[in-house]
């Protein structure tokens, strides 16, 4: 597997999430993380509509 150049992606992602969490009020951080990880884990991501007509 060719992972050259992708070694620092998790660290960069962690730094970006940490930066965003520091910009939010403390009570909003758990909700932000839940929405962030919930949408990344859910099949189809958050781009699909939640309700069908």
N, C-alpha and C. Protein backbone atom coordinates (compact mmCIF):
# COMPACT_ATOMS: atom_id res chain seq x y z
N UNK A 1 0.85 -1.17 0.00
CA UNK A 1 0.00 0.00 0.00
C UNK A 1 0.90 1.23 0.00
N UNK A 2 0.59 2.16 -0.86
CA UNK A 2 1.39 3.38 -0.98
C UNK A 2 0.79 4.46 -0.09
N UNK A 3 1.43 4.70 1.04
CA UNK A 3 0.93 5.72 1.97
C UNK A 3 1.85 6.92 2.04
N UNK A 4 2.80 7.00 1.14
CA UNK A 4 3.75 8.11 1.13
C UNK A 4 3.00 9.43 0.95
N UNK A 5 3.23 10.37 1.83
CA UNK A 5 2.57 11.66 1.74
C UNK A 5 1.29 11.75 2.57
N UNK A 6 0.80 10.62 3.06
CA UNK A 6 -0.43 10.62 3.85
C UNK A 6 -0.17 10.35 5.32
N UNK A 7 1.07 10.37 5.72
CA UNK A 7 1.43 10.05 7.09
C UNK A 7 0.89 11.08 8.07
N UNK A 8 0.75 12.34 7.66
CA UNK A 8 0.36 13.41 8.58
C UNK A 8 -1.10 13.80 8.47
N UNK A 9 -1.89 13.07 7.70
CA UNK A 9 -3.30 13.42 7.58
C UNK A 9 -4.04 13.30 8.91
N UNK A 10 -3.89 12.20 9.67
CA UNK A 10 -4.60 12.14 10.95
C UNK A 10 -4.20 13.26 11.90
N UNK A 11 -2.92 13.59 11.94
CA UNK A 11 -2.46 14.66 12.83
C UNK A 11 -3.05 16.00 12.39
N UNK A 12 -3.07 16.26 11.08
CA UNK A 12 -3.65 17.50 10.56
C UNK A 12 -5.14 17.57 10.85
N UNK A 13 -5.81 16.45 10.70
CA UNK A 13 -7.24 16.39 10.99
C UNK A 13 -7.50 16.67 12.46
N UNK A 14 -6.69 16.06 13.33
CA UNK A 14 -6.82 16.29 14.76
C UNK A 14 -6.59 17.77 15.11
N UNK A 15 -5.60 18.39 14.49
CA UNK A 15 -5.32 19.80 14.76
C UNK A 15 -6.47 20.69 14.29
N UNK A 16 -7.08 20.37 13.14
CA UNK A 16 -8.20 21.16 12.64
C UNK A 16 -9.42 21.03 13.56
N UNK A 17 -9.70 19.81 14.01
CA UNK A 17 -10.84 19.60 14.91
C UNK A 17 -10.59 20.31 16.24
N UNK A 18 -9.37 20.24 16.74
CA UNK A 18 -9.03 20.93 18.00
C UNK A 18 -9.19 22.43 17.86
N UNK A 19 -8.75 22.98 16.74
CA UNK A 19 -8.89 24.42 16.49
C UNK A 19 -10.36 24.82 16.48
N UNK A 20 -11.20 24.04 15.80
CA UNK A 20 -12.63 24.36 15.74
C UNK A 20 -13.28 24.23 17.11
N UNK A 21 -12.89 23.22 17.88
CA UNK A 21 -13.47 23.04 19.21
C UNK A 21 -13.10 24.19 20.15
N UNK A 22 -11.92 24.74 19.98
CA UNK A 22 -11.51 25.86 20.83
C UNK A 22 -12.28 27.13 20.49
N UNK A 23 -12.80 27.20 19.26
CA UNK A 23 -13.55 28.39 18.84
C UNK A 23 -15.01 28.33 19.30
N UNK A 24 -15.47 27.15 19.71
CA UNK A 24 -16.86 26.99 20.13
C UNK A 24 -17.00 27.19 21.63
N UNK A 25 -18.22 27.53 22.08
CA UNK A 25 -18.46 27.53 23.53
C UNK A 25 -18.31 26.10 24.07
N UNK A 26 -17.87 25.99 25.32
CA UNK A 26 -17.60 24.66 25.90
C UNK A 26 -18.82 23.75 25.87
N UNK A 27 -20.00 24.29 26.04
CA UNK A 27 -21.19 23.43 26.05
C UNK A 27 -21.57 22.93 24.65
N UNK A 28 -21.02 23.55 23.60
CA UNK A 28 -21.34 23.15 22.23
C UNK A 28 -20.37 22.11 21.67
N UNK A 29 -19.23 21.91 22.33
CA UNK A 29 -18.21 21.00 21.81
C UNK A 29 -18.71 19.56 21.70
N UNK A 30 -19.36 18.98 22.73
CA UNK A 30 -19.83 17.59 22.57
C UNK A 30 -20.83 17.43 21.42
N UNK A 31 -21.70 18.39 21.23
CA UNK A 31 -22.66 18.33 20.13
C UNK A 31 -21.94 18.41 18.79
N UNK A 32 -20.97 19.30 18.68
CA UNK A 32 -20.19 19.42 17.46
C UNK A 32 -19.49 18.11 17.11
N UNK A 33 -18.85 17.51 18.10
CA UNK A 33 -18.13 16.25 17.85
C UNK A 33 -19.10 15.13 17.49
N UNK A 34 -20.23 15.10 18.15
CA UNK A 34 -21.23 14.06 17.85
C UNK A 34 -21.74 14.21 16.41
N UNK A 35 -22.01 15.42 15.99
CA UNK A 35 -22.46 15.64 14.62
C UNK A 35 -21.35 15.34 13.62
N UNK A 36 -20.13 15.74 13.93
CA UNK A 36 -19.00 15.51 13.03
C UNK A 36 -18.74 14.03 12.82
N UNK A 37 -18.60 13.29 13.90
CA UNK A 37 -18.28 11.87 13.78
C UNK A 37 -19.50 11.05 13.37
N UNK A 38 -20.66 11.47 13.79
CA UNK A 38 -21.89 10.76 13.38
C UNK A 38 -22.12 10.85 11.89
N UNK A 39 -21.86 12.01 11.32
CA UNK A 39 -22.06 12.16 9.88
C UNK A 39 -20.98 11.46 9.08
N UNK A 40 -19.78 11.33 9.64
CA UNK A 40 -18.71 10.65 8.91
C UNK A 40 -18.86 9.13 8.99
N UNK A 41 -19.50 8.63 10.03
CA UNK A 41 -19.68 7.18 10.19
C UNK A 41 -20.91 6.69 9.44
N UNK A 42 -21.94 7.51 9.43
CA UNK A 42 -23.21 7.10 8.82
C UNK A 42 -23.04 6.83 7.33
N UNK A 43 -23.64 5.80 6.84
CA UNK A 43 -23.56 5.49 5.42
C UNK A 43 -24.26 6.57 4.61
N UNK A 44 -23.64 6.99 3.53
CA UNK A 44 -24.23 8.00 2.67
C UNK A 44 -23.86 9.42 3.07
N UNK A 45 -23.19 9.58 4.16
CA UNK A 45 -22.75 10.86 4.71
C UNK A 45 -23.94 11.83 4.89
N UNK A 46 -23.66 13.07 5.16
CA UNK A 46 -24.72 14.03 5.46
C UNK A 46 -25.16 14.79 4.22
N UNK A 47 -24.69 14.40 3.05
CA UNK A 47 -25.08 15.10 1.82
C UNK A 47 -26.44 14.64 1.32
N UNK A 48 -26.87 13.47 1.71
CA UNK A 48 -28.16 12.98 1.26
C UNK A 48 -29.26 13.57 2.15
N UNK A 49 -30.43 13.82 1.58
CA UNK A 49 -31.51 14.36 2.40
C UNK A 49 -31.95 13.37 3.47
N UNK A 50 -32.30 13.90 4.63
CA UNK A 50 -32.70 13.03 5.73
C UNK A 50 -34.13 12.53 5.55
N UNK A 51 -34.96 13.31 4.89
CA UNK A 51 -36.34 12.93 4.71
C UNK A 51 -36.65 12.78 3.24
N UNK A 52 -37.37 11.73 2.91
CA UNK A 52 -37.78 11.53 1.52
C UNK A 52 -39.18 12.05 1.34
N UNK A 53 -39.46 12.57 0.15
CA UNK A 53 -40.78 13.09 -0.13
C UNK A 53 -41.76 11.97 -0.35
